[in-house]
PDB file of N, CA and C in Angstrom:
ATOM      1  N   MET A   1     -11.833  -5.456 -38.579  1.00  0.00           N
ATOM      2  CA  MET A   1     -10.767  -4.249 -37.838  1.00  0.00           C
ATOM      3  C   MET A   1      -9.966  -4.073 -38.589  1.00  0.00           C
ATOM      4  N   ARG A   2      -9.318  -3.053 -38.201  1.00  0.00           N
ATOM      5  CA  ARG A   2      -8.302  -1.843 -38.776  1.00  0.00           C
ATOM      6  C   ARG A   2      -7.412  -0.907 -37.953  1.00  0.00           C
ATOM      7  N   TRP A   3      -5.991  -1.148 -38.757  1.00  0.00           N
ATOM      8  CA  TRP A   3      -4.856  -0.481 -37.525  1.00  0.00           C
ATOM      9  C   TRP A   3      -5.767   0.995 -37.725  1.00  0.00           C
ATOM     10  N   ILE A   4      -5.324   1.291 -36.559  1.00  0.00           N
ATOM     11  CA  ILE A   4      -5.952   2.791 -36.675  1.00  0.00           C
ATOM     12  C   ILE A   4      -4.899   4.229 -35.626  1.00  0.00           C
ATOM     13  N   PRO A   5      -4.098   4.510 -36.676  1.00  0.00           N
ATOM     14  CA  PRO A   5      -2.891   5.595 -36.397  1.00  0.00           C
ATOM     15  C   PRO A   5      -3.709   6.011 -35.167  1.00  0.00           C
ATOM     16  N   VAL A   6      -2.001   6.358 -34.013  1.00  0.00           N
ATOM     17  CA  VAL A   6      -2.068   6.979 -32.699  1.00  0.00           C
ATOM     18  C   VAL A   6      -2.514   8.405 -32.852  1.00  0.00           C
ATOM     19  N   THR A   7      -2.125   9.034 -34.436  1.00  0.00           N
ATOM     20  CA  THR A   7      -2.291  10.429 -34.384  1.00  0.00           C
ATOM     21  C   THR A   7      -3.817  10.983 -34.499  1.00  0.00           C
ATOM     22  N   GLU A   8      -4.847   9.497 -35.306  1.00  0.00           N
ATOM     23  CA  GLU A   8      -6.070   9.747 -35.272  1.00  0.00           C
ATOM     24  C   GLU A   8      -6.738   9.666 -33.938  1.00  0.00           C
ATOM     25  N   GLN A   9      -6.334   8.521 -33.170  1.00  0.00           N
ATOM     26  CA  GLN A   9      -7.220   7.950 -31.708  1.00  0.00           C
ATOM     27  C   GLN A   9      -6.760   7.423 -31.006  1.00  0.00           C
ATOM     28  N   LEU A  10      -6.291   7.460 -29.744  1.00  0.00           N
ATOM     29  CA  LEU A  10      -5.560   6.637 -28.911  1.00  0.00           C
ATOM     30  C   LEU A  10      -6.857   5.508 -28.613  1.00  0.00           C
ATOM     31  N   PRO A  11      -6.734   4.130 -27.682  1.00  0.00           N
ATOM     32  CA  PRO A  11      -7.543   3.803 -27.339  1.00  0.00           C
ATOM     33  C   PRO A  11      -7.817   4.088 -25.720  1.00  0.00           C
ATOM     34  N   GLU A  12      -8.730   3.519 -24.921  1.00  0.00           N
ATOM     35  CA  GLU A  12      -9.677   3.904 -23.917  1.00  0.00           C
ATOM     36  C   GLU A  12      -8.249   3.678 -22.922  1.00  0.00           C
ATOM     37  N   ALA A  13      -8.168   4.260 -21.823  1.00  0.00           N
ATOM     38  CA  ALA A  13      -7.140   3.954 -20.647  1.00  0.00           C
ATOM     39  C   ALA A  13      -6.906   2.550 -20.756  1.00  0.00           C
ATOM     40  N   GLU A  14      -5.868   1.843 -20.407  1.00  0.00           N
ATOM     41  CA  GLU A  14      -5.727   0.772 -20.140  1.00  0.00           C
ATOM     42  C   GLU A  14      -6.489  -0.654 -20.928  1.00  0.00           C
ATOM     43  N   GLN A  15      -7.411  -0.230 -21.936  1.00  0.00           N
ATOM     44  CA  GLN A  15      -7.684  -1.101 -22.982  1.00  0.00           C
ATOM     45  C   GLN A  15      -6.274  -2.013 -23.555  1.00  0.00           C
ATOM     46  N   GLN A  16      -6.451  -3.366 -23.331  1.00  0.00           N
ATOM     47  CA  GLN A  16      -5.292  -4.435 -23.816  1.00  0.00           C
ATOM     48  C   GLN A  16      -5.715  -4.250 -25.312  1.00  0.00           C
ATOM     49  N   VAL A  17      -5.055  -3.623 -26.137  1.00  0.00           N
ATOM     50  CA  VAL A  17      -4.979  -3.935 -27.480  1.00  0.00           C
ATOM     51  C   VAL A  17      -3.364  -4.489 -28.374  1.00  0.00           C
ATOM     52  N   LEU A  18      -3.816  -4.878 -29.879  1.00  0.00           N
ATOM     53  CA  LEU A  18      -2.578  -4.715 -30.473  1.00  0.00           C
ATOM     54  C   LEU A  18      -2.311  -3.433 -30.791  1.00  0.00           C
ATOM     55  N   ALA A  19      -0.351  -3.211 -30.463  1.00  0.00           N
ATOM     56  CA  ALA A  19       0.029  -2.020 -30.885  1.00  0.00           C
ATOM     57  C   ALA A  19       1.289  -2.643 -31.823  1.00  0.00           C
ATOM     58  N   TYR A  20       1.533  -1.472 -32.929  1.00  0.00           N
ATOM     59  CA  TYR A  20       2.499  -1.749 -33.635  1.00  0.00           C
ATOM     60  C   TYR A  20       3.692  -0.684 -32.941  1.00  0.00           C
ATOM     61  N   CYS A  21       4.871  -1.207 -33.011  1.00  0.00           N
ATOM     62  CA  CYS A  21       5.597  -0.473 -32.706  1.00  0.00           C
ATOM     63  C   CYS A  21       6.832  -0.328 -33.962  1.00  0.00           C
ATOM     64  N   ARG A  22       7.475   0.800 -34.224  1.00  0.00           N
ATOM     65  CA  ARG A  22       8.565   1.202 -34.910  1.00  0.00           C
ATOM     66  C   ARG A  22       9.674   1.073 -34.347  1.00  0.00           C
ATOM     67  N   TYR A  23      10.663   1.314 -34.783  1.00  0.00           N
ATOM     68  CA  TYR A  23      12.363   1.010 -33.922  1.00  0.00           C
ATOM     69  C   TYR A  23      13.088   1.537 -35.243  1.00  0.00           C
ATOM     70  N   GLY A  24      14.377   2.196 -35.414  1.00  0.00           N
ATOM     71  CA  GLY A  24      14.592   2.223 -36.186  1.00  0.00           C
ATOM     72  C   GLY A  24      14.161   3.410 -37.690  1.00  0.00           C
ATOM     73  N   THR A  25      14.944   2.939 -38.706  1.00  0.00           N
ATOM     74  CA  THR A  25      14.351   3.224 -39.935  1.00  0.00           C
ATOM     75  C   THR A  25      13.277   2.064 -40.769  1.00  0.00           C
ATOM     76  N   THR A  26      13.943   0.943 -40.298  1.00  0.00           N
ATOM     77  CA  THR A  26      13.066  -0.385 -41.073  1.00  0.00           C
ATOM     78  C   THR A  26      12.341  -1.212 -40.622  1.00  0.00           C
ATOM     79  N   GLY A  27      12.473  -1.060 -39.289  1.00  0.00           N
ATOM     80  CA  GLY A  27      12.177  -2.486 -38.358  1.00  0.00           C
ATOM     81  C   GLY A  27      10.606  -1.842 -37.637  1.00  0.00           C
ATOM     82  N   GLY A  28       9.870  -3.032 -37.143  1.00  0.00           N
ATOM     83  CA  GLY A  28       8.554  -2.789 -36.635  1.00  0.00           C
ATOM     84  C   GLY A  28       8.397  -4.480 -35.861  1.00  0.00           C
ATOM     85  N   TYR A  29       7.211  -4.003 -35.089  1.00  0.00           N
ATOM     86  CA  TYR A  29       6.996  -5.467 -34.152  1.00  0.00           C
ATOM     87  C   TYR A  29       5.735  -4.898 -33.915  1.00  0.00           C
ATOM     88  N   ILE A  30       4.712  -6.339 -33.553  1.00  0.00           N
ATOM     89  CA  ILE A  30       3.526  -6.039 -32.789  1.00  0.00           C
ATOM     90  C   ILE A  30       3.433  -6.995 -31.556  1.00  0.00           C
ATOM     91  N   CYS A  31       2.674  -6.195 -30.723  1.00  0.00           N
ATOM     92  CA  CYS A  31       2.620  -7.121 -29.493  1.00  0.00           C
ATOM     93  C   CYS A  31       1.536  -5.962 -28.420  1.00  0.00           C
ATOM     94  N   LYS A  32       0.723  -6.848 -27.727  1.00  0.00           N
ATOM     95  CA  LYS A  32       0.081  -6.895 -26.671  1.00  0.00           C
ATOM     96  C   LYS A  32       0.656  -5.396 -25.804  1.00  0.00           C
ATOM     97  N   ALA A  33      -0.803  -4.974 -25.884  1.00  0.00           N
ATOM     98  CA  ALA A  33      -0.481  -2.926 -25.314  1.00  0.00           C
ATOM     99  C   ALA A  33      -1.567  -2.897 -24.449  1.00  0.00           C
ATOM    100  N   ILE A  34      -1.051  -2.094 -23.999  1.00  0.00           N
ATOM    101  CA  ILE A  34      -2.211  -0.685 -23.194  1.00  0.00           C
ATOM    102  C   ILE A  34      -1.636   0.771 -23.178  1.00  0.00           C
ATOM    103  N   TYR A  35      -2.539   1.241 -23.500  1.00  0.00           N
ATOM    104  CA  TYR A  35      -2.088   3.159 -23.465  1.00  0.00           C
ATOM    105  C   TYR A  35      -2.412   3.483 -21.989  1.00  0.00           C
ATOM    106  N   ILE A  36      -1.419   4.378 -21.489  1.00  0.00           N
ATOM    107  CA  ILE A  36      -1.390   5.057 -19.749  1.00  0.00           C
ATOM    108  C   ILE A  36      -1.963   6.675 -20.200  1.00  0.00           C
ATOM    109  N   PRO A  37      -2.752   7.331 -20.301  1.00  0.00           N
ATOM    110  CA  PRO A  37      -3.020   8.363 -20.420  1.00  0.00           C
ATOM    111  C   PRO A  37      -2.618   9.524 -19.160  1.00  0.00           C
ATOM    112  N   PRO A  38      -2.295  10.336 -19.574  1.00  0.00           N
ATOM    113  CA  PRO A  38      -1.538  11.572 -18.226  1.00  0.00           C
ATOM    114  C   PRO A  38      -2.721  11.349 -17.215  1.00  0.00           C
ATOM    115  N   GLU A  39      -2.006  11.544 -16.204  1.00  0.00           N
ATOM    116  CA  GLU A  39      -3.110  11.883 -15.093  1.00  0.00           C
ATOM    117  C   GLU A  39      -3.931  10.471 -14.071  1.00  0.00           C
ATOM    118  N   THR A  40      -3.333   9.408 -14.632  1.00  0.00           N
ATOM    119  CA  THR A  40      -3.535   8.128 -14.475  1.00  0.00           C
ATOM    120  C   THR A  40      -2.913   7.717 -13.069  1.00  0.00           C
ATOM    121  N   TYR A  41      -3.430   7.392 -11.899  1.00  0.00           N
ATOM    122  CA  TYR A  41      -3.042   7.396 -10.520  1.00  0.00           C
ATOM    123  C   TYR A  41      -2.790   5.883 -10.032  1.00  0.00           C
ATOM    124  N   ARG A  42      -2.256   5.268  -9.354  1.00  0.00           N
ATOM    125  CA  ARG A  42      -2.072   3.993  -8.930  1.00  0.00           C
ATOM    126  C   ARG A  42      -3.737   3.417  -8.449  1.00  0.00           C
ATOM    127  N   GLU A  43      -3.746   4.197  -7.231  1.00  0.00           N
ATOM    128  CA  GLU A  43      -5.201   3.815  -6.875  1.00  0.00           C
ATOM    129  C   GLU A  43      -6.401   3.721  -7.886  1.00  0.00           C
ATOM    130  N   ASP A  44      -6.267   4.169  -9.216  1.00  0.00           N
ATOM    131  CA  ASP A  44      -7.653   4.052  -9.877  1.00  0.00           C
ATOM    132  C   ASP A  44      -7.212   3.065 -11.328  1.00  0.00           C
ATOM    133  N   SER A  45      -6.374   2.549 -11.021  1.00  0.00           N
ATOM    134  CA  SER A  45      -5.780   1.599 -12.409  1.00  0.00           C
ATOM    135  C   SER A  45      -6.222   0.052 -11.740  1.00  0.00           C
ATOM    136  N   GLY A  46      -6.791  -0.434 -12.817  1.00  0.00           N
ATOM    137  CA  GLY A  46      -6.820  -1.704 -12.483  1.00  0.00           C
ATOM    138  C   GLY A  46      -5.900  -2.752 -12.737  1.00  0.00           C
ATOM    139  N   PHE A  47      -4.325  -2.650 -12.789  1.00  0.00           N
ATOM    140  CA  PHE A  47      -3.011  -3.096 -12.641  1.00  0.00           C
ATOM    141  C   PHE A  47      -2.458  -2.881 -11.357  1.00  0.00           C
ATOM    142  N   ASP A  48      -1.343  -3.557 -11.343  1.00  0.00           N
ATOM    143  CA  ASP A  48      -0.389  -3.424 -10.096  1.00  0.00           C
ATOM    144  C   ASP A  48       0.576  -2.674 -10.082  1.00  0.00           C
ATOM    145  N   TRP A  49       1.181  -1.551 -10.225  1.00  0.00           N
ATOM    146  CA  TRP A  49       2.058  -1.182 -10.986  1.00  0.00           C
ATOM    147  C   TRP A  49       3.225  -1.113 -10.490  1.00  0.00           C
ATOM    148  N   ASP A  50       4.387  -1.332 -11.059  1.00  0.00           N
ATOM    149  CA  ASP A  50       5.546  -1.340  -9.872  1.00  0.00           C
ATOM    150  C   ASP A  50       5.936   0.221  -9.965  1.00  0.00           C
ATOM    151  N   TRP A  51       6.758   0.248  -9.078  1.00  0.00           N
ATOM    152  CA  TRP A  51       7.401   1.866  -8.215  1.00  0.00           C
ATOM    153  C   TRP A  51       7.923   2.669  -9.131  1.00  0.00           C
ATOM    154  N   ASP A  52       8.821   2.062 -10.365  1.00  0.00           N
ATOM    155  CA  ASP A  52       9.573   2.722 -11.021  1.00  0.00           C
ATOM    156  C   ASP A  52       8.684   3.871 -12.351  1.00  0.00           C
ATOM    157  N   VAL A  53       7.592   3.025 -12.316  1.00  0.00           N
ATOM    158  CA  VAL A  53       7.009   3.739 -13.122  1.00  0.00           C
ATOM    159  C   VAL A  53       6.259   4.862 -12.270  1.00  0.00           C
ATOM    160  N   CYS A  54       6.023   4.994 -10.962  1.00  0.00           N
ATOM    161  CA  CYS A  54       5.076   5.983 -10.643  1.00  0.00           C
ATOM    162  C   CYS A  54       5.994   6.949  -9.901  1.00  0.00           C
ATOM    163  N   ASN A  55       6.931   7.881 -10.251  1.00  0.00           N
ATOM    164  CA  ASN A  55       7.469   8.644  -9.153  1.00  0.00           C
ATOM    165  C   ASN A  55       6.992  10.105  -9.502  1.00  0.00           C
ATOM    166  N   THR A  56       6.084  10.084  -9.571  1.00  0.00           N
ATOM    167  CA  THR A  56       5.387  11.508  -9.605  1.00  0.00           C
ATOM    168  C   THR A  56       4.031  11.469  -8.633  1.00  0.00           C
ATOM    169  N   TYR A  57       4.587  11.909  -6.791  1.00  0.00           N
ATOM    170  CA  TYR A  57       3.656  12.301  -6.059  1.00  0.00           C
ATOM    171  C   TYR A  57       2.716  13.256  -6.302  1.00  0.00           C
ATOM    172  N   ASN A  58       0.907  13.001  -5.785  1.00  0.00           N
ATOM    173  CA  ASN A  58       0.463  14.379  -6.150  1.00  0.00           C
ATOM    174  C   ASN A  58      -0.524  14.013  -4.134  1.00  0.00           C
ATOM    175  N   GLU A  59       0.415  15.055  -3.540  1.00  0.00           N
ATOM    176  CA  GLU A  59      -0.155  15.424  -2.093  1.00  0.00           C
ATOM    177  C   GLU A  59      -1.851  15.886  -1.763  1.00  0.00           C
ATOM    178  N   GLU A  60      -2.260  15.977  -2.725  1.00  0.00           N
ATOM    179  CA  GLU A  60      -3.588  16.114  -2.908  1.00  0.00           C
ATOM    180  C   GLU A  60      -4.339  15.153  -2.870  1.00  0.00           C
ATOM    181  N   ARG A  61      -3.748  14.239  -3.759  1.00  0.00           N
ATOM    182  CA  ARG A  61      -4.633  13.048  -4.037  1.00  0.00           C
ATOM    183  C   ARG A  61      -3.804  11.769  -2.783  1.00  0.00           C
ATOM    184  N   ASP A  62      -2.917  12.106  -2.665  1.00  0.00           N
ATOM    185  CA  ASP A  62      -1.804  11.051  -2.061  1.00  0.00           C
ATOM    186  C   ASP A  62      -1.760   9.582  -2.247  1.00  0.00           C
ATOM    187  N   ASP A  63      -1.216   9.977  -3.685  1.00  0.00           N
ATOM    188  CA  ASP A  63      -1.427   8.943  -4.917  1.00  0.00           C
ATOM    189  C   ASP A  63      -0.201   9.029  -5.424  1.00  0.00           C
ATOM    190  N   TYR A  64       0.062   8.378  -6.297  1.00  0.00           N
ATOM    191  CA  TYR A  64       1.292   8.431  -7.303  1.00  0.00           C
ATOM    192  C   TYR A  64       0.535   8.408  -8.624  1.00  0.00           C
ATOM    193  N   GLU A  65       1.300   8.518  -9.554  1.00  0.00           N
ATOM    194  CA  GLU A  65       1.109   9.229 -10.819  1.00  0.00           C
ATOM    195  C   GLU A  65       1.920   8.014 -11.842  1.00  0.00           C
ATOM    196  N   ILE A  66       1.129   7.086 -12.402  1.00  0.00           N
ATOM    197  CA  ILE A  66       1.975   6.403 -13.118  1.00  0.00           C
ATOM    198  C   ILE A  66       2.188   6.762 -14.773  1.00  0.00           C
ATOM    199  N   GLU A  67       3.799   6.787 -14.935  1.00  0.00           N
ATOM    200  CA  GLU A  67       4.158   7.797 -15.959  1.00  0.00           C
ATOM    201  C   GLU A  67       3.135   7.092 -17.443  1.00  0.00           C
ATOM    202  N   PRO A  68       2.704   8.024 -18.154  1.00  0.00           N
ATOM    203  CA  PRO A  68       1.815   8.629 -19.210  1.00  0.00           C
ATOM    204  C   PRO A  68       2.918   7.544 -20.424  1.00  0.00           C
ATOM    205  N   GLY A  69       2.135   6.951 -21.287  1.00  0.00           N
ATOM    206  CA  GLY A  69       2.846   6.284 -22.296  1.00  0.00           C
ATOM    207  C   GLY A  69       2.110   4.864 -22.593  1.00  0.00           C
ATOM    208  N   TRP A  70       2.819   4.182 -23.336  1.00  0.00           N
ATOM    209  CA  TRP A  70       2.588   2.679 -23.977  1.00  0.00           C
ATOM    210  C   TRP A  70       3.433   1.617 -22.989  1.00  0.00           C
ATOM    211  N   TYR A  71       2.622   0.605 -23.086  1.00  0.00           N
ATOM    212  CA  TYR A  71       3.358  -0.495 -22.321  1.00  0.00           C
ATOM    213  C   TYR A  71       2.779  -1.828 -22.817  1.00  0.00           C
ATOM    214  N   GLU A  72       3.543  -2.549 -22.913  1.00  0.00           N
ATOM    215  CA  GLU A  72       3.651  -4.186 -23.498  1.00  0.00           C
ATOM    216  C   GLU A  72       3.053  -4.707 -22.263  1.00  0.00           C
ATOM    217  N   ARG A  73       1.960  -5.614 -22.491  1.00  0.00           N
ATOM    218  CA  ARG A  73       1.390  -6.666 -21.636  1.00  0.00           C
ATOM    219  C   ARG A  73       1.745  -7.772 -21.594  1.00  0.00           C
ATOM    220  N   ILE A  74       2.290  -8.443 -20.727  1.00  0.00           N
ATOM    221  CA  ILE A  74       2.880  -9.539 -20.061  1.00  0.00           C
ATOM    222  C   ILE A  74       2.260 -10.450 -19.395  1.00  0.00           C
ATOM    223  N   HIS A  75       1.954 -11.719 -19.841  1.00  0.00           N
ATOM    224  CA  HIS A  75       0.649 -12.665 -19.155  1.00  0.00           C
ATOM    225  C   HIS A  75       1.716 -13.509 -18.902  1.00  0.00           C
ATOM    226  N   ASN A  76       2.271 -14.294 -18.778  1.00  0.00           N
ATOM    227  CA  ASN A  76       3.365 -14.886 -18.608  1.00  0.00           C
ATOM    228  C   ASN A  76       4.869 -15.235 -18.018  1.00  0.00           C
ATOM    229  N   TRP A  77       4.995 -13.993 -17.427  1.00  0.00           N
ATOM    230  CA  TRP A  77       6.216 -13.635 -16.821  1.00  0.00           C
ATOM    231  C   TRP A  77       5.502 -13.131 -15.157  1.00  0.00           C
ATOM    232  N   ASP A  78       6.530 -13.744 -14.250  1.00  0.00           N
ATOM    233  CA  ASP A  78       5.805 -13.673 -12.661  1.00  0.00           C
ATOM    234  C   ASP A  78       6.423 -12.210 -12.359  1.00  0.00           C
ATOM    235  N   GLU A  79       6.951 -11.251 -12.513  1.00  0.00           N
ATOM    236  CA  GLU A  79       8.188 -10.171 -12.029  1.00  0.00           C
ATOM    237  C   GLU A  79       7.096  -8.830 -12.184  1.00  0.00           C
ATOM    238  N   TYR A  80       6.795  -9.195 -13.735  1.00  0.00           N
ATOM    239  CA  TYR A  80       6.022  -7.831 -14.105  1.00  0.00           C
ATOM    240  C   TYR A  80       4.848  -8.006 -15.200  1.00  0.00           C
ATOM    241  N   GLY A  81       4.007  -7.057 -14.954  1.00  0.00           N
ATOM    242  CA  GLY A  81       2.999  -7.555 -15.922  1.00  0.00           C
ATOM    243  C   GLY A  81       2.623  -6.458 -17.368  1.00  0.00           C
ATOM    244  N   SER A  82       3.422  -5.415 -16.897  1.00  0.00           N
ATOM    245  CA  SER A  82       3.625  -4.668 -17.961  1.00  0.00           C
ATOM    246  C   SER A  82       4.755  -3.707 -17.724  1.00  0.00           C
ATOM    247  N   VAL A  83       5.597  -3.607 -19.346  1.00  0.00           N
ATOM    248  CA  VAL A  83       7.228  -2.795 -19.594  1.00  0.00           C
ATOM    249  C   VAL A  83       6.880  -1.839 -20.324  1.00  0.00           C
ATOM    250  N   GLY A  84       7.134  -0.669 -19.749  1.00  0.00           N
ATOM    251  CA  GLY A  84       7.223   0.522 -21.151  1.00  0.00           C
ATOM    252  C   GLY A  84       8.234  -0.075 -22.213  1.00  0.00           C
ATOM    253  N   ILE A  85       7.185   0.642 -23.161  1.00  0.00           N
ATOM    254  CA  ILE A  85       7.503   0.565 -24.718  1.00  0.00           C
ATOM    255  C   ILE A  85       8.112   1.791 -25.195  1.00  0.00           C
ATOM    256  N   ASN A  86       9.841   1.362 -24.944  1.00  0.00           N
ATOM    257  CA  ASN A  86      10.787   2.413 -25.942  1.00  0.00           C
ATOM    258  C   ASN A  86      10.497   2.695 -27.000  1.00  0.00           C
ATOM    259  N   ASP A  87       9.791   2.072 -27.948  1.00  0.00           N
ATOM    260  CA  ASP A  87      10.107   1.884 -29.308  1.00  0.00           C
ATOM    261  C   ASP A  87       8.738   2.999 -29.517  1.00  0.00           C
ATOM    262  N   THR A  88       8.582   3.591 -30.977  1.00  0.00           N
ATOM    263  CA  THR A  88       7.179   4.192 -31.123  1.00  0.00           C
ATOM    264  C   THR A  88       5.993   3.809 -31.633  1.00  0.00           C
ATOM    265  N   VAL A  89       5.018   3.365 -30.626  1.00  0.00           N
ATOM    266  CA  VAL A  89       3.718   3.108 -31.438  1.00  0.00           C
ATOM    267  C   VAL A  89       3.158   3.958 -32.333  1.00  0.00           C
ATOM    268  N   THR A  90       2.911   3.513 -33.593  1.00  0.00           N
ATOM    269  CA  THR A  90       2.262   4.456 -34.433  1.00  0.00           C
ATOM    270  C   THR A  90       0.825   4.150 -34.851  1.00  0.00           C
ATOM    271  N   HIS A  91       0.653   2.589 -34.337  1.00  0.00           N
ATOM    272  CA  HIS A  91      -0.860   2.368 -34.596  1.00  0.00           C
ATOM    273  C   HIS A  91      -1.209   1.094 -33.741  1.00  0.00           C
ATOM    274  N   TRP A  92      -2.431   0.978 -33.344  1.00  0.00           N
ATOM    275  CA  TRP A  92      -3.233  -0.037 -32.364  1.00  0.00           C
ATOM    276  C   TRP A  92      -4.285  -0.340 -33.442  1.00  0.00           C
ATOM    277  N   MET A  93      -4.929  -1.679 -32.650  1.00  0.00           N
ATOM    278  CA  MET A  93      -6.254  -1.991 -33.034  1.00  0.00           C
ATOM    279  C   MET A  93      -6.647  -2.650 -31.785  1.00  0.00           C
ATOM    280  N   PRO A  94      -7.780  -2.947 -31.536  1.00  0.00           N
ATOM    281  CA  PRO A  94      -8.544  -3.909 -30.590  1.00  0.00           C
ATOM    282  C   PRO A  94      -8.214  -5.480 -30.642  1.00  0.00           C
ATOM    283  N   LEU A  95      -8.378  -6.147 -29.703  1.00  0.00           N
ATOM    284  CA  LEU A  95      -7.668  -7.460 -29.565  1.00  0.00           C
ATOM    285  C   LEU A  95      -8.873  -8.379 -30.681  1.00  0.00           C
ATOM    286  N   PRO A  96      -8.717  -9.048 -30.854  1.00  0.00           N
ATOM    287  CA  PRO A  96      -9.783  -9.873 -31.736  1.00  0.00           C
ATOM    288  C   PRO A  96     -10.508 -11.101 -30.701  1.00  0.00           C
ATOM    289  N   ASP A  97     -11.523 -11.618 -30.799  1.00  0.00           N
ATOM    290  CA  ASP A  97     -12.243 -12.164 -30.033  1.00  0.00           C
ATOM    291  C   ASP A  97     -11.195 -13.582 -29.598  1.00  0.00           C
ATOM    292  N   ALA A  98     -11.173 -13.923 -28.480  1.00  0.00           N
ATOM    293  CA  ALA A  98     -10.640 -15.111 -27.924  1.00  0.00           C
ATOM    294  C   ALA A  98     -11.160 -16.596 -28.764  1.00  0.00           C
ATOM    295  N   PRO A  99     -10.952 -17.579 -29.174  1.00  0.00           N
ATOM    296  CA  PRO A  99     -11.323 -18.450 -30.236  1.00  0.00           C
ATOM    297  C   PRO A  99     -12.247 -19.261 -28.948  1.00  0.00           C
ATOM    298  N   GLU A 100     -13.584 -19.993 -29.526  1.00  0.00           N
ATOM    299  CA  GLU A 100     -14.599 -20.479 -28.579  1.00  0.00           C
ATOM    300  C   GLU A 100     -13.072 -22.276 -27.676  1.00  0.00           C
ATOM    301  N   VAL A 101     -13.386 -22.414 -26.883  1.00  0.00           N
ATOM    302  CA  VAL A 101     -12.850 -23.353 -26.577  1.00  0.00           C
ATOM    303  C   VAL A 101     -13.923 -24.449 -26.286  1.00  0.00           C
ATOM    304  N   ASP A 102     -13.705 -25.648 -26.903  1.00  0.00           N
ATOM    305  CA  ASP A 102     -14.341 -26.437 -26.514  1.00  0.00           C
ATOM    306  C   ASP A 102     -13.820 -27.723 -25.481  1.00  0.00           C
ATOM    307  N   ARG A 103     -14.442 -27.664 -24.218  1.00  0.00           N
ATOM    308  CA  ARG A 103     -13.952 -28.242 -22.625  1.00  0.00           C
ATOM    309  C   ARG A 103     -13.120 -29.444 -23.136  1.00  0.00           C
ATOM    310  N   ASN A 104     -13.899 -30.639 -24.287  1.00  0.00           N
ATOM    311  CA  ASN A 104     -13.787 -31.680 -24.545  1.00  0.00           C
ATOM    312  C   ASN A 104     -12.146 -31.937 -24.550  1.00  0.00           C
ATOM    313  N   ASP A 105     -11.445 -30.555 -25.431  1.00  0.00           N
ATOM    314  CA  ASP A 105     -10.258 -30.771 -25.984  1.00  0.00           C
ATOM    315  C   ASP A 105      -8.995 -30.516 -24.776  1.00  0.00           C
ATOM    316  N   ASP A 106      -9.359 -30.686 -23.565  1.00  0.00           N
ATOM    317  CA  ASP A 106      -8.656 -30.913 -22.443  1.00  0.00           C
ATOM    318  C   ASP A 106      -7.615 -32.137 -22.537  1.00  0.00           C
TER     319      ASP A 106
END
């Protein structure tokens, strides 16, 4: 696996990936994220979106478009499952496979 520049390729819509986010001139961090391309609608999405990121209504479809961009995936927070990334995502890579879990470790 390698880091893929967003200028080279974007992940499939709503594919969970690792994203490298830059902030300022020297900072950066890695997070689990998804990319939402333009013209992605709530009804077609595999996620439950908060209304604050669905502000464009399409009368013909009778549905709201999700604000395109990068969203951090949060799995241990009850209120939100995804929040917009305000920093610049420069690279991404597929998630590694999960470890095999021995059922006897419980």
